[in-house]
Full PDB file with SEQRES, HELIX, SHEET, SSBOND, CRYST1, ORIGX, SCALE, CONECT and MASTER records, all heavy atoms in Angstrom:
SEQRES   1 A   32  GLY SER LEU ASP PRO ARG GLN THR VAL ALA ARG ILE VAL          
SEQRES   2 A   32  ALA GLU PRO LEU ALA ALA GLN GLY GLU GLY SER ARG SER          
SEQRES   3 A   32  VAL LEU HIS ASP ALA ALA                                      
HELIX    1 AA1 VAL A    9  ALA A   19  1                                  11    
HELIX    2 AA2 ARG A   25  ALA A   31  1                                   7    
CRYST1    1.000    1.000    1.000  90.00  90.00  90.00 P 1           1          
ORIGX1      1.000000  0.000000  0.000000        0.00000                         
ORIGX2      0.000000  1.000000  0.000000        0.00000                         
ORIGX3      0.000000  0.000000  1.000000        0.00000                         
SCALE1      1.000000  0.000000  0.000000        0.00000                         
SCALE2      0.000000  1.000000  0.000000        0.00000                         
SCALE3      0.000000  0.000000  1.000000        0.00000                         
ATOM      1  N   GLY A   1     -11.472  27.974  -7.997  1.00  0.00           N  
ATOM      2  CA  GLY A   1     -11.295  28.846  -6.844  1.00  0.00           C  
ATOM      3  C   GLY A   1     -12.546  29.570  -6.396  1.00  0.00           C  
ATOM      4  O   GLY A   1     -12.573  30.132  -5.291  1.00  0.00           O  
ATOM      5  N   SER A   2     -13.591  29.592  -7.223  1.00  0.00           N  
ATOM      6  CA  SER A   2     -14.785  30.369  -6.877  1.00  0.00           C  
ATOM      7  C   SER A   2     -15.811  29.576  -6.078  1.00  0.00           C  
ATOM      8  O   SER A   2     -16.823  30.129  -5.667  1.00  0.00           O  
ATOM      9  CB  SER A   2     -15.453  30.907  -8.152  1.00  0.00           C  
ATOM     10  OG  SER A   2     -15.893  29.846  -8.978  1.00  0.00           O  
ATOM     11  N   LEU A   3     -15.570  28.284  -5.867  1.00  0.00           N  
ATOM     12  CA  LEU A   3     -16.483  27.449  -5.087  1.00  0.00           C  
ATOM     13  C   LEU A   3     -15.797  27.027  -3.794  1.00  0.00           C  
ATOM     14  O   LEU A   3     -14.674  26.522  -3.820  1.00  0.00           O  
ATOM     15  CB  LEU A   3     -16.901  26.208  -5.884  1.00  0.00           C  
ATOM     16  CG  LEU A   3     -17.494  26.444  -7.283  1.00  0.00           C  
ATOM     17  CD1 LEU A   3     -17.868  25.116  -7.925  1.00  0.00           C  
ATOM     18  CD2 LEU A   3     -18.693  27.364  -7.219  1.00  0.00           C  
ATOM     19  N   ASP A   4     -16.470  27.221  -2.663  1.00  0.00           N  
ATOM     20  CA  ASP A   4     -15.907  26.874  -1.357  1.00  0.00           C  
ATOM     21  C   ASP A   4     -15.815  25.349  -1.230  1.00  0.00           C  
ATOM     22  O   ASP A   4     -16.843  24.658  -1.242  1.00  0.00           O  
ATOM     23  CB  ASP A   4     -16.807  27.436  -0.251  1.00  0.00           C  
ATOM     24  CG  ASP A   4     -16.175  27.313   1.129  1.00  0.00           C  
ATOM     25  OD1 ASP A   4     -15.276  26.464   1.309  1.00  0.00           O  
ATOM     26  OD2 ASP A   4     -16.601  28.059   2.037  1.00  0.00           O  
ATOM     27  N   PRO A   5     -14.600  24.785  -1.109  1.00  0.00           N  
ATOM     28  CA  PRO A   5     -14.460  23.325  -1.063  1.00  0.00           C  
ATOM     29  C   PRO A   5     -15.036  22.693   0.199  1.00  0.00           C  
ATOM     30  O   PRO A   5     -15.240  21.483   0.248  1.00  0.00           O  
ATOM     31  CB  PRO A   5     -12.944  23.119  -1.136  1.00  0.00           C  
ATOM     32  CG  PRO A   5     -12.357  24.370  -0.574  1.00  0.00           C  
ATOM     33  CD  PRO A   5     -13.296  25.472  -1.001  1.00  0.00           C  
ATOM     34  N   ARG A   6     -15.333  23.503   1.221  1.00  0.00           N  
ATOM     35  CA  ARG A   6     -15.836  22.959   2.486  1.00  0.00           C  
ATOM     36  C   ARG A   6     -17.356  22.883   2.526  1.00  0.00           C  
ATOM     37  O   ARG A   6     -17.908  22.346   3.482  1.00  0.00           O  
ATOM     38  CB  ARG A   6     -15.339  23.826   3.647  1.00  0.00           C  
ATOM     39  CG  ARG A   6     -13.824  23.866   3.788  1.00  0.00           C  
ATOM     40  CD  ARG A   6     -13.396  24.959   4.732  1.00  0.00           C  
ATOM     41  NE  ARG A   6     -13.779  26.283   4.220  1.00  0.00           N  
ATOM     42  CZ  ARG A   6     -13.563  27.424   4.869  1.00  0.00           C  
ATOM     43  NH1 ARG A   6     -12.967  27.395   6.056  1.00  0.00           N  
ATOM     44  NH2 ARG A   6     -13.925  28.579   4.352  1.00  0.00           N  
ATOM     45  N   GLN A   7     -18.020  23.420   1.517  1.00  0.00           N  
ATOM     46  CA  GLN A   7     -19.477  23.438   1.512  1.00  0.00           C  
ATOM     47  C   GLN A   7     -20.019  22.494   0.454  1.00  0.00           C  
ATOM     48  O   GLN A   7     -19.386  22.252  -0.580  1.00  0.00           O  
ATOM     49  CB  GLN A   7     -19.995  24.854   1.252  1.00  0.00           C  
ATOM     50  CG  GLN A   7     -19.684  25.833   2.362  1.00  0.00           C  
ATOM     51  CD  GLN A   7     -20.377  27.166   2.145  1.00  0.00           C  
ATOM     52  OE1 GLN A   7     -21.068  27.364   1.159  1.00  0.00           O  
ATOM     53  NE2 GLN A   7     -20.188  28.084   3.083  1.00  0.00           N  
ATOM     54  N   THR A   8     -21.196  21.975   0.697  1.00  0.00           N  
ATOM     55  CA  THR A   8     -21.851  21.149  -0.308  1.00  0.00           C  
ATOM     56  C   THR A   8     -22.304  22.027  -1.467  1.00  0.00           C  
ATOM     57  O   THR A   8     -22.451  23.254  -1.334  1.00  0.00           O  
ATOM     58  CB  THR A   8     -23.068  20.429   0.279  1.00  0.00           C  
ATOM     59  OG1 THR A   8     -24.051  21.405   0.661  1.00  0.00           O  
ATOM     60  CG2 THR A   8     -22.681  19.572   1.469  1.00  0.00           C  
ATOM     61  N   VAL A   9     -22.557  21.375  -2.592  1.00  0.00           N  
ATOM     62  CA  VAL A   9     -23.023  22.106  -3.762  1.00  0.00           C  
ATOM     63  C   VAL A   9     -24.359  22.782  -3.474  1.00  0.00           C  
ATOM     64  O   VAL A   9     -24.626  23.896  -3.942  1.00  0.00           O  
ATOM     65  CB  VAL A   9     -23.128  21.144  -4.960  1.00  0.00           C  
ATOM     66  CG1 VAL A   9     -23.868  21.779  -6.125  1.00  0.00           C  
ATOM     67  CG2 VAL A   9     -21.735  20.705  -5.396  1.00  0.00           C  
ATOM     68  N   ALA A  10     -25.214  22.131  -2.683  1.00  0.00           N  
ATOM     69  CA  ALA A  10     -26.507  22.733  -2.350  1.00  0.00           C  
ATOM     70  C   ALA A  10     -26.327  24.064  -1.632  1.00  0.00           C  
ATOM     71  O   ALA A  10     -27.001  25.059  -1.955  1.00  0.00           O  
ATOM     72  CB  ALA A  10     -27.319  21.772  -1.479  1.00  0.00           C  
ATOM     73  N   ARG A  11     -25.423  24.128  -0.676  1.00  0.00           N  
ATOM     74  CA  ARG A  11     -25.198  25.376   0.050  1.00  0.00           C  
ATOM     75  C   ARG A  11     -24.557  26.431  -0.847  1.00  0.00           C  
ATOM     76  O   ARG A  11     -24.859  27.618  -0.728  1.00  0.00           O  
ATOM     77  CB  ARG A  11     -24.317  25.120   1.278  1.00  0.00           C  
ATOM     78  CG  ARG A  11     -24.992  24.300   2.365  1.00  0.00           C  
ATOM     79  CD  ARG A  11     -24.214  24.367   3.657  1.00  0.00           C  
ATOM     80  NE  ARG A  11     -24.158  25.726   4.185  1.00  0.00           N  
ATOM     81  CZ  ARG A  11     -23.502  26.073   5.294  1.00  0.00           C  
ATOM     82  NH1 ARG A  11     -22.840  25.137   5.984  1.00  0.00           N  
ATOM     83  NH2 ARG A  11     -23.503  27.311   5.718  1.00  0.00           N  
ATOM     84  N   ILE A  12     -23.665  26.001  -1.732  1.00  0.00           N  
ATOM     85  CA  ILE A  12     -23.019  26.936  -2.641  1.00  0.00           C  
ATOM     86  C   ILE A  12     -24.043  27.567  -3.582  1.00  0.00           C  
ATOM     87  O   ILE A  12     -24.085  28.792  -3.759  1.00  0.00           O  
ATOM     88  CB  ILE A  12     -21.917  26.220  -3.445  1.00  0.00           C  
ATOM     89  CG1 ILE A  12     -20.751  25.835  -2.532  1.00  0.00           C  
ATOM     90  CG2 ILE A  12     -21.438  27.093  -4.603  1.00  0.00           C  
ATOM     91  CD1 ILE A  12     -19.726  24.943  -3.186  1.00  0.00           C  
ATOM     92  N   VAL A  13     -24.874  26.728  -4.205  1.00  0.00           N  
ATOM     93  CA  VAL A  13     -25.842  27.230  -5.181  1.00  0.00           C  
ATOM     94  C   VAL A  13     -26.897  28.100  -4.506  1.00  0.00           C  
ATOM     95  O   VAL A  13     -27.325  29.123  -5.054  1.00  0.00           O  
ATOM     96  CB  VAL A  13     -26.496  26.055  -5.938  1.00  0.00           C  
ATOM     97  CG1 VAL A  13     -27.641  26.536  -6.821  1.00  0.00           C  
ATOM     98  CG2 VAL A  13     -25.451  25.328  -6.774  1.00  0.00           C  
ATOM     99  N   ALA A  14     -27.325  27.721  -3.302  1.00  0.00           N  
ATOM    100  CA  ALA A  14     -28.388  28.458  -2.608  1.00  0.00           C  
ATOM    101  C   ALA A  14     -27.876  29.670  -1.844  1.00  0.00           C  
ATOM    102  O   ALA A  14     -28.686  30.407  -1.258  1.00  0.00           O  
ATOM    103  CB  ALA A  14     -29.122  27.522  -1.649  1.00  0.00           C  
ATOM    104  N   GLU A  15     -26.571  29.903  -1.857  1.00  0.00           N  
ATOM    105  CA  GLU A  15     -26.012  31.003  -1.064  1.00  0.00           C  
ATOM    106  C   GLU A  15     -26.639  32.359  -1.383  1.00  0.00           C  
ATOM    107  O   GLU A  15     -26.945  33.135  -0.462  1.00  0.00           O  
ATOM    108  CB  GLU A  15     -24.495  31.054  -1.261  1.00  0.00           C  
ATOM    109  CG  GLU A  15     -23.807  32.112  -0.424  1.00  0.00           C  
ATOM    110  CD  GLU A  15     -22.303  32.096  -0.615  1.00  0.00           C  
ATOM    111  OE1 GLU A  15     -21.820  31.357  -1.489  1.00  0.00           O  
ATOM    112  OE2 GLU A  15     -21.622  32.837   0.114  1.00  0.00           O  
ATOM    113  N   PRO A  16     -26.861  32.731  -2.663  1.00  0.00           N  
ATOM    114  CA  PRO A  16     -27.503  34.033  -2.919  1.00  0.00           C  
ATOM    115  C   PRO A  16     -28.904  34.129  -2.333  1.00  0.00           C  
ATOM    116  O   PRO A  16     -29.307  35.199  -1.856  1.00  0.00           O  
ATOM    117  CB  PRO A  16     -27.532  34.107  -4.456  1.00  0.00           C  
ATOM    118  CG  PRO A  16     -26.411  33.223  -4.903  1.00  0.00           C  
ATOM    119  CD  PRO A  16     -26.408  32.095  -3.918  1.00  0.00           C  
ATOM    120  N   LEU A  17     -29.663  33.026  -2.356  1.00  0.00           N  
ATOM    121  CA  LEU A  17     -30.994  33.032  -1.742  1.00  0.00           C  
ATOM    122  C   LEU A  17     -30.889  33.193  -0.237  1.00  0.00           C  
ATOM    123  O   LEU A  17     -31.672  33.917   0.394  1.00  0.00           O  
ATOM    124  CB  LEU A  17     -31.744  31.753  -2.085  1.00  0.00           C  
ATOM    125  CG  LEU A  17     -32.276  31.612  -3.508  1.00  0.00           C  
ATOM    126  CD1 LEU A  17     -32.924  30.243  -3.689  1.00  0.00           C  
ATOM    127  CD2 LEU A  17     -33.253  32.723  -3.835  1.00  0.00           C  
ATOM    128  N   ALA A  18     -29.923  32.497   0.380  1.00  0.00           N  
ATOM    129  CA  ALA A  18     -29.734  32.609   1.822  1.00  0.00           C  
ATOM    130  C   ALA A  18     -29.368  34.039   2.211  1.00  0.00           C  
ATOM    131  O   ALA A  18     -29.816  34.548   3.250  1.00  0.00           O  
ATOM    132  CB  ALA A  18     -28.658  31.630   2.279  1.00  0.00           C  
ATOM    133  N   ALA A  19     -28.560  34.700   1.369  1.00  0.00           N  
ATOM    134  CA  ALA A  19     -28.184  36.091   1.654  1.00  0.00           C  
ATOM    135  C   ALA A  19     -29.385  37.020   1.595  1.00  0.00           C  
ATOM    136  O   ALA A  19     -29.405  38.068   2.262  1.00  0.00           O  
ATOM    137  CB  ALA A  19     -27.114  36.552   0.669  1.00  0.00           C  
ATOM    138  N   GLN A  20     -30.385  36.634   0.799  1.00  0.00           N  
ATOM    139  CA  GLN A  20     -31.613  37.418   0.723  1.00  0.00           C  
ATOM    140  C   GLN A  20     -32.578  37.070   1.855  1.00  0.00           C  
ATOM    141  O   GLN A  20     -33.634  37.687   1.992  1.00  0.00           O  
ATOM    142  CB  GLN A  20     -32.311  37.162  -0.623  1.00  0.00           C  
ATOM    143  CG  GLN A  20     -31.526  37.594  -1.843  1.00  0.00           C  
ATOM    144  CD  GLN A  20     -31.445  39.100  -1.993  1.00  0.00           C  
ATOM    145  OE1 GLN A  20     -32.389  39.803  -1.656  1.00  0.00           O  
ATOM    146  NE2 GLN A  20     -30.327  39.605  -2.469  1.00  0.00           N  
ATOM    147  N   GLY A  21     -32.243  36.049   2.673  1.00  0.00           N  
ATOM    148  CA  GLY A  21     -33.105  35.637   3.769  1.00  0.00           C  
ATOM    149  C   GLY A  21     -34.343  34.903   3.321  1.00  0.00           C  
ATOM    150  O   GLY A  21     -35.395  34.990   3.969  1.00  0.00           O  
ATOM    151  N   GLU A  22     -34.225  34.169   2.213  1.00  0.00           N  
ATOM    152  CA  GLU A  22     -35.393  33.506   1.635  1.00  0.00           C  
ATOM    153  C   GLU A  22     -35.378  32.008   1.931  1.00  0.00           C  
ATOM    154  O   GLU A  22     -34.444  31.309   1.548  1.00  0.00           O  
ATOM    155  CB  GLU A  22     -35.432  33.722   0.117  1.00  0.00           C  
ATOM    156  CG  GLU A  22     -35.574  35.184  -0.290  1.00  0.00           C  
ATOM    157  CD  GLU A  22     -35.721  35.329  -1.788  1.00  0.00           C  
ATOM    158  OE1 GLU A  22     -35.981  34.313  -2.452  1.00  0.00           O  
ATOM    159  OE2 GLU A  22     -35.567  36.454  -2.282  1.00  0.00           O  
ATOM    160  N   GLY A  23     -36.417  31.513   2.617  1.00  0.00           N  
ATOM    161  CA  GLY A  23     -36.652  30.087   2.722  1.00  0.00           C  
ATOM    162  C   GLY A  23     -35.911  29.384   3.835  1.00  0.00           C  
ATOM    163  O   GLY A  23     -34.870  29.819   4.321  1.00  0.00           O  
ATOM    164  N   SER A  24     -36.471  28.238   4.212  1.00  0.00           N  
ATOM    165  CA  SER A  24     -35.849  27.356   5.185  1.00  0.00           C  
ATOM    166  C   SER A  24     -34.750  26.548   4.511  1.00  0.00           C  
ATOM    167  O   SER A  24     -34.540  26.622   3.298  1.00  0.00           O  
ATOM    168  CB  SER A  24     -36.895  26.412   5.771  1.00  0.00           C  
ATOM    169  OG  SER A  24     -37.435  25.591   4.741  1.00  0.00           O  
ATOM    170  N   ARG A  25     -34.042  25.726   5.304  1.00  0.00           N  
ATOM    171  CA  ARG A  25     -32.966  24.914   4.757  1.00  0.00           C  
ATOM    172  C   ARG A  25     -33.480  23.954   3.679  1.00  0.00           C  
ATOM    173  O   ARG A  25     -32.851  23.781   2.647  1.00  0.00           O  
ATOM    174  CB  ARG A  25     -32.274  24.148   5.874  1.00  0.00           C  
ATOM    175  CG  ARG A  25     -31.142  23.256   5.382  1.00  0.00           C  
ATOM    176  CD  ARG A  25     -30.409  22.601   6.530  1.00  0.00           C  
ATOM    177  NE  ARG A  25     -29.784  23.586   7.400  1.00  0.00           N  
ATOM    178  CZ  ARG A  25     -29.048  23.265   8.461  1.00  0.00           C  
ATOM    179  NH1 ARG A  25     -28.875  21.986   8.793  1.00  0.00           N  
ATOM    180  NH2 ARG A  25     -28.499  24.207   9.205  1.00  0.00           N  
ATOM    181  N   SER A  26     -34.632  23.356   3.914  1.00  0.00           N  
ATOM    182  CA  SER A  26     -35.172  22.415   2.926  1.00  0.00           C  
ATOM    183  C   SER A  26     -35.596  23.136   1.655  1.00  0.00           C  
ATOM    184  O   SER A  26     -35.412  22.622   0.545  1.00  0.00           O  
ATOM    185  CB  SER A  26     -36.356  21.655   3.528  1.00  0.00           C  
ATOM    186  OG  SER A  26     -37.405  22.540   3.878  1.00  0.00           O  
ATOM    187  N   VAL A  27     -36.155  24.321   1.806  1.00  0.00           N  
ATOM    188  CA  VAL A  27     -36.549  25.095   0.624  1.00  0.00           C  
ATOM    189  C   VAL A  27     -35.317  25.481  -0.197  1.00  0.00           C  
ATOM    190  O   VAL A  27     -35.308  25.390  -1.428  1.00  0.00           O  
ATOM    191  CB  VAL A  27     -37.344  26.344   1.043  1.00  0.00           C  
ATOM    192  CG1 VAL A  27     -37.549  27.282  -0.154  1.00  0.00           C  
ATOM    193  CG2 VAL A  27     -38.686  25.943   1.626  1.00  0.00           C  
ATOM    194  N   LEU A  28     -34.266  25.907   0.480  1.00  0.00           N  
ATOM    195  CA  LEU A  28     -33.032  26.277  -0.213  1.00  0.00           C  
ATOM    196  C   LEU A  28     -32.427  25.056  -0.908  1.00  0.00           C  
ATOM    197  O   LEU A  28     -31.926  25.157  -2.043  1.00  0.00           O  
ATOM    198  CB  LEU A  28     -32.035  26.875   0.776  1.00  0.00           C  
ATOM    199  CG  LEU A  28     -32.433  28.210   1.423  1.00  0.00           C  
ATOM    200  CD1 LEU A  28     -31.373  28.653   2.418  1.00  0.00           C  
ATOM    201  CD2 LEU A  28     -32.641  29.290   0.368  1.00  0.00           C  
ATOM    202  N   HIS A  29     -32.460  23.908  -0.246  1.00  0.00           N  
ATOM    203  CA  HIS A  29     -31.916  22.686  -0.849  1.00  0.00           C  
ATOM    204  C   HIS A  29     -32.698  22.322  -2.098  1.00  0.00           C  
ATOM    205  O   HIS A  29     -32.109  21.972  -3.137  1.00  0.00           O  
ATOM    206  CB  HIS A  29     -31.966  21.549   0.164  1.00  0.00           C  
ATOM    207  CG  HIS A  29     -31.269  20.304  -0.294  1.00  0.00           C  
ATOM    208  ND1 HIS A  29     -31.838  19.412  -1.185  1.00  0.00           N  
ATOM    209  CD2 HIS A  29     -30.031  19.794   0.012  1.00  0.00           C  
ATOM    210  CE1 HIS A  29     -31.010  18.423  -1.413  1.00  0.00           C  
ATOM    211  NE2 HIS A  29     -29.908  18.616  -0.689  1.00  0.00           N  
ATOM    212  N   ASP A  30     -34.020  22.429  -2.053  1.00  0.00           N  
ATOM    213  CA  ASP A  30     -34.837  22.106  -3.223  1.00  0.00           C  
ATOM    214  C   ASP A  30     -34.578  23.085  -4.367  1.00  0.00           C  
ATOM    215  O   ASP A  30     -34.526  22.690  -5.534  1.00  0.00           O  
ATOM    216  CB  ASP A  30     -36.315  22.124  -2.849  1.00  0.00           C  
ATOM    217  CG  ASP A  30     -36.698  20.971  -1.929  1.00  0.00           C  
ATOM    218  OD1 ASP A  30     -35.908  20.012  -1.834  1.00  0.00           O  
ATOM    219  OD2 ASP A  30     -37.769  21.051  -1.297  1.00  0.00           O  
ATOM    220  N   ALA A  31     -34.404  24.367  -4.035  1.00  0.00           N  
ATOM    221  CA  ALA A  31     -34.121  25.365  -5.070  1.00  0.00           C  
ATOM    222  C   ALA A  31     -32.781  25.082  -5.743  1.00  0.00           C  
ATOM    223  O   ALA A  31     -32.647  25.199  -6.967  1.00  0.00           O  
ATOM    224  CB  ALA A  31     -34.123  26.763  -4.461  1.00  0.00           C  
ATOM    225  N   ALA A  32     -31.786  24.687  -4.933  1.00  0.00           N  
ATOM    226  CA  ALA A  32     -30.479  24.353  -5.500  1.00  0.00           C  
ATOM    227  C   ALA A  32     -30.585  23.133  -6.408  1.00  0.00           C  
ATOM    228  O   ALA A  32     -29.990  23.110  -7.501  1.00  0.00           O  
ATOM    229  CB  ALA A  32     -29.474  24.103  -4.381  1.00  0.00           C  
TER     230      ALA A  32                                                      
MASTER        0    0    0    2    0    0    0    6  229    1    0    3          
END                                                                             
């Protein structure tokens, strides 16, 4: 229940970084 079934794993894992406003989409994908 803690993982959004509509999002890819990359978006799920990188979500805290995105909330901090860090990096482009490719950077977030690589971090994930």
